[in-house]
PDB file of N, CA and C in Angstrom:
ATOM      1  N   MET A   1     -16.584   6.895  11.251  1.00  0.00           N
ATOM      2  CA  MET A   1     -16.501   7.152   9.959  1.00  0.00           C
ATOM      3  C   MET A   1     -15.377   6.085   8.842  1.00  0.00           C
ATOM      4  N   ARG A   2     -15.423   5.228   8.303  1.00  0.00           N
ATOM      5  CA  ARG A   2     -14.213   4.790   7.474  1.00  0.00           C
ATOM      6  C   ARG A   2     -13.643   5.222   6.161  1.00  0.00           C
ATOM      7  N   ILE A   3     -12.714   5.279   6.451  1.00  0.00           N
ATOM      8  CA  ILE A   3     -11.883   6.347   5.291  1.00  0.00           C
ATOM      9  C   ILE A   3     -10.757   5.125   4.628  1.00  0.00           C
ATOM     10  N   GLY A   4     -10.463   4.839   3.161  1.00  0.00           N
ATOM     11  CA  GLY A   4      -9.881   4.713   2.369  1.00  0.00           C
ATOM     12  C   GLY A   4      -8.899   5.655   1.664  1.00  0.00           C
ATOM     13  N   LEU A   5      -7.463   5.523   2.263  1.00  0.00           N
ATOM     14  CA  LEU A   5      -6.443   6.443   1.644  1.00  0.00           C
ATOM     15  C   LEU A   5      -5.918   5.735   0.990  1.00  0.00           C
ATOM     16  N   VAL A   6      -6.223   5.889  -0.643  1.00  0.00           N
ATOM     17  CA  VAL A   6      -5.250   5.647  -1.411  1.00  0.00           C
ATOM     18  C   VAL A   6      -4.500   6.559  -2.054  1.00  0.00           C
ATOM     19  N   THR A   7      -3.103   6.172  -1.735  1.00  0.00           N
ATOM     20  CA  THR A   7      -1.933   6.801  -2.563  1.00  0.00           C
ATOM     21  C   THR A   7      -0.668   6.304  -2.795  1.00  0.00           C
ATOM     22  N   SER A   8       0.115   6.767  -3.801  1.00  0.00           N
ATOM     23  CA  SER A   8       1.253   5.932  -4.500  1.00  0.00           C
ATOM     24  C   SER A   8       2.374   5.993  -3.802  1.00  0.00           C
ATOM     25  N   GLU A   9       2.532   6.888  -2.241  1.00  0.00           N
ATOM     26  CA  GLU A   9       3.295   7.109  -1.516  1.00  0.00           C
ATOM     27  C   GLU A   9       2.995   6.923  -0.151  1.00  0.00           C
ATOM     28  N   ILE A  10       3.858   6.171   0.569  1.00  0.00           N
ATOM     29  CA  ILE A  10       3.661   6.450   2.189  1.00  0.00           C
ATOM     30  C   ILE A  10       4.913   6.434   2.771  1.00  0.00           C
ATOM     31  N   PHE A  11       5.686   7.261   3.639  1.00  0.00           N
ATOM     32  CA  PHE A  11       6.745   6.750   4.308  1.00  0.00           C
ATOM     33  C   PHE A  11       6.306   6.185   5.248  1.00  0.00           C
ATOM     34  N   PRO A  12       7.196   4.862   5.787  1.00  0.00           N
ATOM     35  CA  PRO A  12       8.589   4.625   5.414  1.00  0.00           C
ATOM     36  C   PRO A  12       8.743   3.931   4.083  1.00  0.00           C
ATOM     37  N   PHE A  13       7.941   3.504   3.523  1.00  0.00           N
ATOM     38  CA  PHE A  13       7.485   2.518   2.385  1.00  0.00           C
ATOM     39  C   PHE A  13       8.413   3.034   1.131  1.00  0.00           C
ATOM     40  N   SER A  14       7.668   3.708   0.837  1.00  0.00           N
ATOM     41  CA  SER A  14       7.600   4.822  -0.386  1.00  0.00           C
ATOM     42  C   SER A  14       7.965   6.101  -0.365  1.00  0.00           C
ATOM     43  N   LYS A  15       8.956   6.716  -1.024  1.00  0.00           N
ATOM     44  CA  LYS A  15       8.845   8.233  -0.727  1.00  0.00           C
ATOM     45  C   LYS A  15       9.336   8.613  -2.061  1.00  0.00           C
ATOM     46  N   VAL A  16       9.394   9.571  -2.448  1.00  0.00           N
ATOM     47  CA  VAL A  16       9.650  10.828  -4.011  1.00  0.00           C
ATOM     48  C   VAL A  16       9.733  12.292  -3.488  1.00  0.00           C
ATOM     49  N   GLY A  17       8.699  12.665  -2.811  1.00  0.00           N
ATOM     50  CA  GLY A  17       8.321  13.994  -2.949  1.00  0.00           C
ATOM     51  C   GLY A  17       7.815  14.370  -1.555  1.00  0.00           C
ATOM     52  N   GLY A  18       6.959  15.305  -1.552  1.00  0.00           N
ATOM     53  CA  GLY A  18       6.362  15.451  -0.093  1.00  0.00           C
ATOM     54  C   GLY A  18       4.974  14.494   0.111  1.00  0.00           C
ATOM     55  N   LEU A  19       4.626  14.309  -1.211  1.00  0.00           N
ATOM     56  CA  LEU A  19       3.517  12.697  -0.804  1.00  0.00           C
ATOM     57  C   LEU A  19       3.638  12.287   0.050  1.00  0.00           C
ATOM     58  N   GLY A  20       4.273  11.567   0.131  1.00  0.00           N
ATOM     59  CA  GLY A  20       4.772  10.156   0.826  1.00  0.00           C
ATOM     60  C   GLY A  20       4.649  10.937   2.381  1.00  0.00           C
ATOM     61  N   ASP A  21       5.153  12.086   2.730  1.00  0.00           N
ATOM     62  CA  ASP A  21       4.849  12.643   4.038  1.00  0.00           C
ATOM     63  C   ASP A  21       3.672  13.090   4.439  1.00  0.00           C
ATOM     64  N   VAL A  22       3.006  13.003   3.546  1.00  0.00           N
ATOM     65  CA  VAL A  22       1.637  13.944   3.521  1.00  0.00           C
ATOM     66  C   VAL A  22       0.799  12.669   4.205  1.00  0.00           C
ATOM     67  N   SER A  23       0.899  11.282   3.234  1.00  0.00           N
ATOM     68  CA  SER A  23       0.167  10.008   3.203  1.00  0.00           C
ATOM     69  C   SER A  23       0.186   9.374   4.714  1.00  0.00           C
ATOM     70  N   VAL A  24       1.641   9.728   5.428  1.00  0.00           N
ATOM     71  CA  VAL A  24       2.053   8.941   6.369  1.00  0.00           C
ATOM     72  C   VAL A  24       1.446   9.837   7.413  1.00  0.00           C
ATOM     73  N   ALA A  25       1.372  11.805   7.336  1.00  0.00           N
ATOM     74  CA  ALA A  25       0.860  12.079   8.502  1.00  0.00           C
ATOM     75  C   ALA A  25      -0.707  11.864   8.893  1.00  0.00           C
ATOM     76  N   LEU A  26      -1.622  11.804   7.461  1.00  0.00           N
ATOM     77  CA  LEU A  26      -2.946  11.853   7.532  1.00  0.00           C
ATOM     78  C   LEU A  26      -3.214  10.218   8.219  1.00  0.00           C
ATOM     79  N   ALA A  27      -2.409   9.037   7.689  1.00  0.00           N
ATOM     80  CA  ALA A  27      -2.728   8.247   8.532  1.00  0.00           C
ATOM     81  C   ALA A  27      -2.277   8.070  10.064  1.00  0.00           C
ATOM     82  N   LYS A  28      -1.656   8.674  10.538  1.00  0.00           N
ATOM     83  CA  LYS A  28      -1.459   8.620  11.637  1.00  0.00           C
ATOM     84  C   LYS A  28      -2.374   9.705  12.289  1.00  0.00           C
ATOM     85  N   TYR A  29      -2.907  10.929  11.666  1.00  0.00           N
ATOM     86  CA  TYR A  29      -3.885  11.839  12.700  1.00  0.00           C
ATOM     87  C   TYR A  29      -4.886  11.410  12.429  1.00  0.00           C
ATOM     88  N   LEU A  30      -5.465  10.368  11.627  1.00  0.00           N
ATOM     89  CA  LEU A  30      -7.084  10.524  11.295  1.00  0.00           C
ATOM     90  C   LEU A  30      -7.475   8.935  12.293  1.00  0.00           C
ATOM     91  N   PRO A  31      -6.438   8.363  12.402  1.00  0.00           N
ATOM     92  CA  PRO A  31      -6.642   7.150  13.548  1.00  0.00           C
ATOM     93  C   PRO A  31      -7.011   7.961  15.115  1.00  0.00           C
ATOM     94  N   ALA A  32      -6.114   8.523  15.454  1.00  0.00           N
ATOM     95  CA  ALA A  32      -5.790   9.343  16.722  1.00  0.00           C
ATOM     96  C   ALA A  32      -6.988  10.140  16.843  1.00  0.00           C
ATOM     97  N   HIS A  33      -8.114  10.610  15.653  1.00  0.00           N
ATOM     98  CA  HIS A  33      -8.957  11.113  15.935  1.00  0.00           C
ATOM     99  C   HIS A  33     -10.299  10.480  16.007  1.00  0.00           C
ATOM    100  N   GLY A  34     -10.459   8.816  16.091  1.00  0.00           N
ATOM    101  CA  GLY A  34     -11.728   8.254  15.987  1.00  0.00           C
ATOM    102  C   GLY A  34     -11.961   7.620  14.431  1.00  0.00           C
ATOM    103  N   LEU A  35     -11.030   7.634  13.817  1.00  0.00           N
ATOM    104  CA  LEU A  35     -11.627   7.151  12.200  1.00  0.00           C
ATOM    105  C   LEU A  35     -10.936   5.911  12.210  1.00  0.00           C
ATOM    106  N   ASP A  36     -11.282   4.901  11.370  1.00  0.00           N
ATOM    107  CA  ASP A  36     -11.466   4.037  10.389  1.00  0.00           C
ATOM    108  C   ASP A  36     -10.155   4.316   9.496  1.00  0.00           C
ATOM    109  N   VAL A  37      -9.264   3.920   9.420  1.00  0.00           N
ATOM    110  CA  VAL A  37      -8.229   4.312   8.021  1.00  0.00           C
ATOM    111  C   VAL A  37      -7.844   2.874   7.531  1.00  0.00           C
ATOM    112  N   ARG A  38      -7.556   2.808   6.130  1.00  0.00           N
ATOM    113  CA  ARG A  38      -7.117   1.585   5.465  1.00  0.00           C
ATOM    114  C   ARG A  38      -6.330   2.313   4.681  1.00  0.00           C
ATOM    115  N   VAL A  39      -5.169   2.095   4.405  1.00  0.00           N
ATOM    116  CA  VAL A  39      -4.169   2.792   3.407  1.00  0.00           C
ATOM    117  C   VAL A  39      -4.365   1.579   2.365  1.00  0.00           C
ATOM    118  N   ILE A  40      -4.216   1.884   0.824  1.00  0.00           N
ATOM    119  CA  ILE A  40      -3.759   1.123  -0.162  1.00  0.00           C
ATOM    120  C   ILE A  40      -3.032   1.612  -0.913  1.00  0.00           C
ATOM    121  N   THR A  41      -1.700   0.801  -1.635  1.00  0.00           N
ATOM    122  CA  THR A  41      -0.433   1.753  -1.717  1.00  0.00           C
ATOM    123  C   THR A  41       0.169   0.347  -2.740  1.00  0.00           C
ATOM    124  N   PRO A  42       0.696   1.034  -4.095  1.00  0.00           N
ATOM    125  CA  PRO A  42       1.453  -0.437  -4.887  1.00  0.00           C
ATOM    126  C   PRO A  42       2.326  -0.599  -4.050  1.00  0.00           C
ATOM    127  N   MET A  43       2.990  -1.959  -3.917  1.00  0.00           N
ATOM    128  CA  MET A  43       4.082  -2.643  -3.765  1.00  0.00           C
ATOM    129  C   MET A  43       5.131  -2.499  -4.680  1.00  0.00           C
ATOM    130  N   TYR A  44       6.089  -1.643  -4.551  1.00  0.00           N
ATOM    131  CA  TYR A  44       6.919  -0.830  -5.403  1.00  0.00           C
ATOM    132  C   TYR A  44       8.338  -2.179  -5.456  1.00  0.00           C
ATOM    133  N   SER A  45       8.915  -2.188  -6.226  1.00  0.00           N
ATOM    134  CA  SER A  45      10.003  -3.337  -6.219  1.00  0.00           C
ATOM    135  C   SER A  45      10.939  -2.817  -5.493  1.00  0.00           C
ATOM    136  N   GLN A  46      10.960  -1.664  -4.908  1.00  0.00           N
ATOM    137  CA  GLN A  46      11.874  -0.916  -4.044  1.00  0.00           C
ATOM    138  C   GLN A  46      11.496  -0.861  -2.795  1.00  0.00           C
ATOM    139  N   ILE A  47      10.693  -1.637  -2.458  1.00  0.00           N
ATOM    140  CA  ILE A  47      10.126  -1.455  -0.951  1.00  0.00           C
ATOM    141  C   ILE A  47      10.794  -2.627  -0.083  1.00  0.00           C
ATOM    142  N   ASN A  48      11.766  -2.401   0.867  1.00  0.00           N
ATOM    143  CA  ASN A  48      12.576  -3.097   1.698  1.00  0.00           C
ATOM    144  C   ASN A  48      11.862  -4.092   2.218  1.00  0.00           C
ATOM    145  N   LEU A  49      11.187  -5.160   1.975  1.00  0.00           N
ATOM    146  CA  LEU A  49      10.593  -6.193   2.534  1.00  0.00           C
ATOM    147  C   LEU A  49      10.842  -6.387   3.727  1.00  0.00           C
ATOM    148  N   ASP A  50      12.375  -6.376   4.249  1.00  0.00           N
ATOM    149  CA  ASP A  50      12.679  -6.650   5.964  1.00  0.00           C
ATOM    150  C   ASP A  50      12.658  -5.599   6.618  1.00  0.00           C
ATOM    151  N   GLN A  51      11.519  -4.523   5.974  1.00  0.00           N
ATOM    152  CA  GLN A  51      11.671  -3.340   7.338  1.00  0.00           C
ATOM    153  C   GLN A  51      10.331  -3.635   8.275  1.00  0.00           C
ATOM    154  N   THR A  52       9.285  -4.634   8.052  1.00  0.00           N
ATOM    155  CA  THR A  52       8.269  -4.630   8.672  1.00  0.00           C
ATOM    156  C   THR A  52       7.908  -6.331   8.359  1.00  0.00           C
ATOM    157  N   ASP A  53       6.653  -6.695   8.747  1.00  0.00           N
ATOM    158  CA  ASP A  53       6.191  -8.299   8.301  1.00  0.00           C
ATOM    159  C   ASP A  53       5.102  -7.697   7.554  1.00  0.00           C
ATOM    160  N   PHE A  54       5.447  -8.345   6.719  1.00  0.00           N
ATOM    161  CA  PHE A  54       3.891  -8.344   5.193  1.00  0.00           C
ATOM    162  C   PHE A  54       3.435  -9.697   5.275  1.00  0.00           C
ATOM    163  N   TYR A  55       2.247  -9.514   5.431  1.00  0.00           N
ATOM    164  CA  TYR A  55       1.199 -10.664   5.372  1.00  0.00           C
ATOM    165  C   TYR A  55       0.807 -10.790   4.098  1.00  0.00           C
ATOM    166  N   ALA A  56       0.479 -11.986   3.492  1.00  0.00           N
ATOM    167  CA  ALA A  56      -0.486 -12.183   2.304  1.00  0.00           C
ATOM    168  C   ALA A  56      -2.069 -12.142   2.993  1.00  0.00           C
ATOM    169  N   VAL A  57      -2.798 -11.654   2.010  1.00  0.00           N
ATOM    170  CA  VAL A  57      -4.649 -11.448   2.379  1.00  0.00           C
ATOM    171  C   VAL A  57      -5.165 -12.646   1.442  1.00  0.00           C
ATOM    172  N   ASP A  58      -5.245 -13.654   2.096  1.00  0.00           N
ATOM    173  CA  ASP A  58      -5.534 -14.578   1.556  1.00  0.00           C
ATOM    174  C   ASP A  58      -6.527 -14.832   0.650  1.00  0.00           C
ATOM    175  N   PHE A  59      -7.590 -14.255   0.413  1.00  0.00           N
ATOM    176  CA  PHE A  59      -8.630 -14.378  -0.308  1.00  0.00           C
ATOM    177  C   PHE A  59      -8.164 -13.174  -1.391  1.00  0.00           C
ATOM    178  N   LEU A  60      -7.312 -12.525  -1.183  1.00  0.00           N
ATOM    179  CA  LEU A  60      -6.461 -11.491  -2.517  1.00  0.00           C
ATOM    180  C   LEU A  60      -5.300 -11.683  -3.211  1.00  0.00           C
ATOM    181  N   GLN A  61      -5.350 -13.185  -3.488  1.00  0.00           N
ATOM    182  CA  GLN A  61      -4.196 -13.913  -4.157  1.00  0.00           C
ATOM    183  C   GLN A  61      -4.603 -14.151  -5.403  1.00  0.00           C
ATOM    184  N   GLY A  62      -3.265 -13.595  -6.264  1.00  0.00           N
ATOM    185  CA  GLY A  62      -3.423 -14.357  -7.577  1.00  0.00           C
ATOM    186  C   GLY A  62      -5.046 -13.665  -8.591  1.00  0.00           C
ATOM    187  N   LEU A  63      -5.280 -12.855  -8.271  1.00  0.00           N
ATOM    188  CA  LEU A  63      -6.343 -11.894  -8.949  1.00  0.00           C
ATOM    189  C   LEU A  63      -5.678 -11.791 -10.319  1.00  0.00           C
ATOM    190  N   GLU A  64      -6.662 -11.409 -11.077  1.00  0.00           N
ATOM    191  CA  GLU A  64      -6.615 -11.175 -12.583  1.00  0.00           C
ATOM    192  C   GLU A  64      -7.551  -9.873 -12.954  1.00  0.00           C
ATOM    193  N   VAL A  65      -7.471  -9.164 -13.761  1.00  0.00           N
ATOM    194  CA  VAL A  65      -8.035  -8.046 -14.250  1.00  0.00           C
ATOM    195  C   VAL A  65      -7.894  -7.746 -15.759  1.00  0.00           C
ATOM    196  N   ASP A  66      -8.843  -7.713 -16.381  1.00  0.00           N
ATOM    197  CA  ASP A  66      -8.808  -7.525 -18.039  1.00  0.00           C
ATOM    198  C   ASP A  66      -8.879  -6.501 -18.277  1.00  0.00           C
ATOM    199  N   PHE A  67      -7.941  -5.445 -18.905  1.00  0.00           N
ATOM    200  CA  PHE A  67      -8.217  -3.850 -19.566  1.00  0.00           C
ATOM    201  C   PHE A  67      -8.369  -4.480 -21.004  1.00  0.00           C
ATOM    202  N   ASN A  68      -9.479  -4.281 -21.705  1.00  0.00           N
ATOM    203  CA  ASN A  68      -9.285  -4.748 -23.073  1.00  0.00           C
ATOM    204  C   ASN A  68      -8.527  -5.179 -23.674  1.00  0.00           C
ATOM    205  N   GLY A  69      -8.295  -6.824 -23.089  1.00  0.00           N
ATOM    206  CA  GLY A  69      -7.523  -7.702 -23.498  1.00  0.00           C
ATOM    207  C   GLY A  69      -6.158  -7.956 -22.736  1.00  0.00           C
ATOM    208  N   TRP A  70      -5.723  -6.670 -22.220  1.00  0.00           N
ATOM    209  CA  TRP A  70      -4.740  -6.860 -21.501  1.00  0.00           C
ATOM    210  C   TRP A  70      -4.413  -7.437 -20.053  1.00  0.00           C
ATOM    211  N   LYS A  71      -4.347  -8.605 -19.913  1.00  0.00           N
ATOM    212  CA  LYS A  71      -4.621  -9.231 -18.570  1.00  0.00           C
ATOM    213  C   LYS A  71      -3.680  -8.962 -17.311  1.00  0.00           C
ATOM    214  N   ILE A  72      -3.804  -8.406 -16.304  1.00  0.00           N
ATOM    215  CA  ILE A  72      -2.862  -7.920 -15.225  1.00  0.00           C
ATOM    216  C   ILE A  72      -3.277  -9.066 -14.032  1.00  0.00           C
ATOM    217  N   SER A  73      -1.874  -9.523 -13.332  1.00  0.00           N
ATOM    218  CA  SER A  73      -2.359 -10.573 -12.162  1.00  0.00           C
ATOM    219  C   SER A  73      -1.980  -9.703 -11.478  1.00  0.00           C
ATOM    220  N   TYR A  74      -2.108  -9.729  -9.767  1.00  0.00           N
ATOM    221  CA  TYR A  74      -1.587  -9.092  -8.463  1.00  0.00           C
ATOM    222  C   TYR A  74      -2.511  -9.362  -7.512  1.00  0.00           C
ATOM    223  N   SER A  75      -1.698  -9.567  -6.480  1.00  0.00           N
ATOM    224  CA  SER A  75      -2.147  -9.971  -5.174  1.00  0.00           C
ATOM    225  C   SER A  75      -2.101  -8.361  -3.831  1.00  0.00           C
ATOM    226  N   VAL A  76      -2.489  -9.194  -3.039  1.00  0.00           N
ATOM    227  CA  VAL A  76      -2.703  -7.733  -2.136  1.00  0.00           C
ATOM    228  C   VAL A  76      -1.545  -8.785  -0.583  1.00  0.00           C
ATOM    229  N   TYR A  77      -1.327  -7.740  -0.254  1.00  0.00           N
ATOM    230  CA  TYR A  77      -0.247  -7.895   0.798  1.00  0.00           C
ATOM    231  C   TYR A  77      -0.575  -6.907   2.358  1.00  0.00           C
ATOM    232  N   THR A  78      -0.732  -6.934   3.272  1.00  0.00           N
ATOM    233  CA  THR A  78      -0.666  -6.321   4.256  1.00  0.00           C
ATOM    234  C   THR A  78       0.525  -6.320   5.275  1.00  0.00           C
ATOM    235  N   ALA A  79       0.568  -5.056   6.130  1.00  0.00           N
ATOM    236  CA  ALA A  79       1.374  -4.455   7.185  1.00  0.00           C
ATOM    237  C   ALA A  79       0.894  -3.271   7.464  1.00  0.00           C
ATOM    238  N   LYS A  80       1.345  -3.579   8.765  1.00  0.00           N
ATOM    239  CA  LYS A  80       0.931  -2.488  10.071  1.00  0.00           C
ATOM    240  C   LYS A  80       1.934  -1.003   9.623  1.00  0.00           C
ATOM    241  N   LEU A  81       1.152   0.101   9.656  1.00  0.00           N
ATOM    242  CA  LEU A  81       2.263   0.966   9.214  1.00  0.00           C
ATOM    243  C   LEU A  81       2.822   1.347  10.966  1.00  0.00           C
ATOM    244  N   PRO A  82       4.293   1.388  10.555  1.00  0.00           N
ATOM    245  CA  PRO A  82       5.147   1.306  11.788  1.00  0.00           C
ATOM    246  C   PRO A  82       4.650   2.144  13.082  1.00  0.00           C
ATOM    247  N   GLY A  83       4.629   1.784  14.082  1.00  0.00           N
ATOM    248  CA  GLY A  83       4.332   2.790  15.234  1.00  0.00           C
ATOM    249  C   GLY A  83       2.677   2.852  15.465  1.00  0.00           C
ATOM    250  N   THR A  84       1.898   2.359  14.760  1.00  0.00           N
ATOM    251  CA  THR A  84       0.726   2.498  14.881  1.00  0.00           C
ATOM    252  C   THR A  84      -0.294   1.176  14.781  1.00  0.00           C
ATOM    253  N   GLN A  85      -1.444   1.373  14.921  1.00  0.00           N
ATOM    254  CA  GLN A  85      -2.018   0.025  14.210  1.00  0.00           C
ATOM    255  C   GLN A  85      -2.916   0.066  12.863  1.00  0.00           C
ATOM    256  N   THR A  86      -2.411   1.554  12.442  1.00  0.00           N
ATOM    257  CA  THR A  86      -3.258   1.368  10.956  1.00  0.00           C
ATOM    258  C   THR A  86      -2.488   0.644   9.691  1.00  0.00           C
ATOM    259  N   ASP A  87      -3.917  -0.241   9.091  1.00  0.00           N
ATOM    260  CA  ASP A  87      -3.555  -1.490   8.135  1.00  0.00           C
ATOM    261  C   ASP A  87      -3.048  -0.635   7.058  1.00  0.00           C
ATOM    262  N   ILE A  88      -2.258  -1.073   6.342  1.00  0.00           N
ATOM    263  CA  ILE A  88      -1.785  -0.972   4.848  1.00  0.00           C
ATOM    264  C   ILE A  88      -1.743  -1.892   4.074  1.00  0.00           C
ATOM    265  N   TYR A  89      -2.331  -1.752   3.219  1.00  0.00           N
ATOM    266  CA  TYR A  89      -2.698  -2.891   2.042  1.00  0.00           C
ATOM    267  C   TYR A  89      -1.894  -2.387   0.548  1.00  0.00           C
ATOM    268  N   PHE A  90      -0.752  -3.496   0.430  1.00  0.00           N
ATOM    269  CA  PHE A  90      -0.087  -3.120  -0.607  1.00  0.00           C
ATOM    270  C   PHE A  90      -0.178  -4.110  -1.735  1.00  0.00           C
ATOM    271  N   ILE A  91      -0.774  -3.447  -2.855  1.00  0.00           N
ATOM    272  CA  ILE A  91      -0.695  -3.981  -4.502  1.00  0.00           C
ATOM    273  C   ILE A  91      -0.065  -4.560  -5.404  1.00  0.00           C
ATOM    274  N   ASN A  92       0.402  -5.768  -4.480  1.00  0.00           N
ATOM    275  CA  ASN A  92       1.325  -6.403  -5.753  1.00  0.00           C
ATOM    276  C   ASN A  92       1.134  -6.951  -7.065  1.00  0.00           C
ATOM    277  N   CYS A  93       1.765  -6.138  -7.728  1.00  0.00           N
ATOM    278  CA  CYS A  93       1.323  -6.160  -9.251  1.00  0.00           C
ATOM    279  C   CYS A  93       2.534  -5.845 -10.198  1.00  0.00           C
ATOM    280  N   PRO A  94       3.548  -7.238 -10.274  1.00  0.00           N
ATOM    281  CA  PRO A  94       4.939  -7.106 -10.980  1.00  0.00           C
ATOM    282  C   PRO A  94       4.735  -5.943 -12.286  1.00  0.00           C
ATOM    283  N   GLN A  95       3.852  -6.357 -12.879  1.00  0.00           N
ATOM    284  CA  GLN A  95       3.343  -5.462 -14.520  1.00  0.00           C
ATOM    285  C   GLN A  95       3.721  -4.525 -14.677  1.00  0.00           C
ATOM    286  N   MET A  96       3.086  -3.975 -13.460  1.00  0.00           N
ATOM    287  CA  MET A  96       3.035  -2.203 -13.280  1.00  0.00           C
ATOM    288  C   MET A  96       3.921  -1.917 -12.214  1.00  0.00           C
ATOM    289  N   TYR A  97       4.374  -2.156 -11.298  1.00  0.00           N
ATOM    290  CA  TYR A  97       5.234  -1.811 -10.167  1.00  0.00           C
ATOM    291  C   TYR A  97       6.634  -2.143  -9.774  1.00  0.00           C
ATOM    292  N   HIS A  98       6.906  -3.493 -10.779  1.00  0.00           N
ATOM    293  CA  HIS A  98       8.672  -3.568 -10.595  1.00  0.00           C
ATOM    294  C   HIS A  98       9.456  -3.137 -11.612  1.00  0.00           C
ATOM    295  N   ARG A  99       9.804  -2.179 -11.475  1.00  0.00           N
ATOM    296  CA  ARG A  99      10.574  -1.108 -12.386  1.00  0.00           C
ATOM    297  C   ARG A  99      11.762  -0.288 -11.281  1.00  0.00           C
ATOM    298  N   SER A 100      12.292   0.356 -12.440  1.00  0.00           N
ATOM    299  CA  SER A 100      13.478   0.720 -11.629  1.00  0.00           C
ATOM    300  C   SER A 100      13.169   2.254 -10.690  1.00  0.00           C
ATOM    301  N   GLY A 101      12.228   2.483 -11.313  1.00  0.00           N
ATOM    302  CA  GLY A 101      11.746   3.800 -10.006  1.00  0.00           C
ATOM    303  C   GLY A 101      10.484   3.798  -9.710  1.00  0.00           C
ATOM    304  N   ILE A 102      10.136   4.285  -8.900  1.00  0.00           N
ATOM    305  CA  ILE A 102       8.725   4.691  -8.265  1.00  0.00           C
ATOM    306  C   ILE A 102       7.816   5.809  -8.947  1.00  0.00           C
TER     307      ILE A 102
END
């Protein structure tokens, strides 16, 4: 089974409350039981980019979405969840996620 785990927080990258802990627990537990899990989360400006290796997803760079005349540009980066082989996909959208808080 393939699972897309979409979350606004995942420890150690982003955490405000308990959601970051629950997300990382699921991202570790499910693959250990034979499930293919991919995590999708925002790339907040507060994420420490030096804590792991981030790679641009080549075919997901410089994309644009039109929301009723409001154009939003974004790119996608990937990294492994530390200590696992679980892929995390970070949505880099400065218009939405580069702000003072999560």
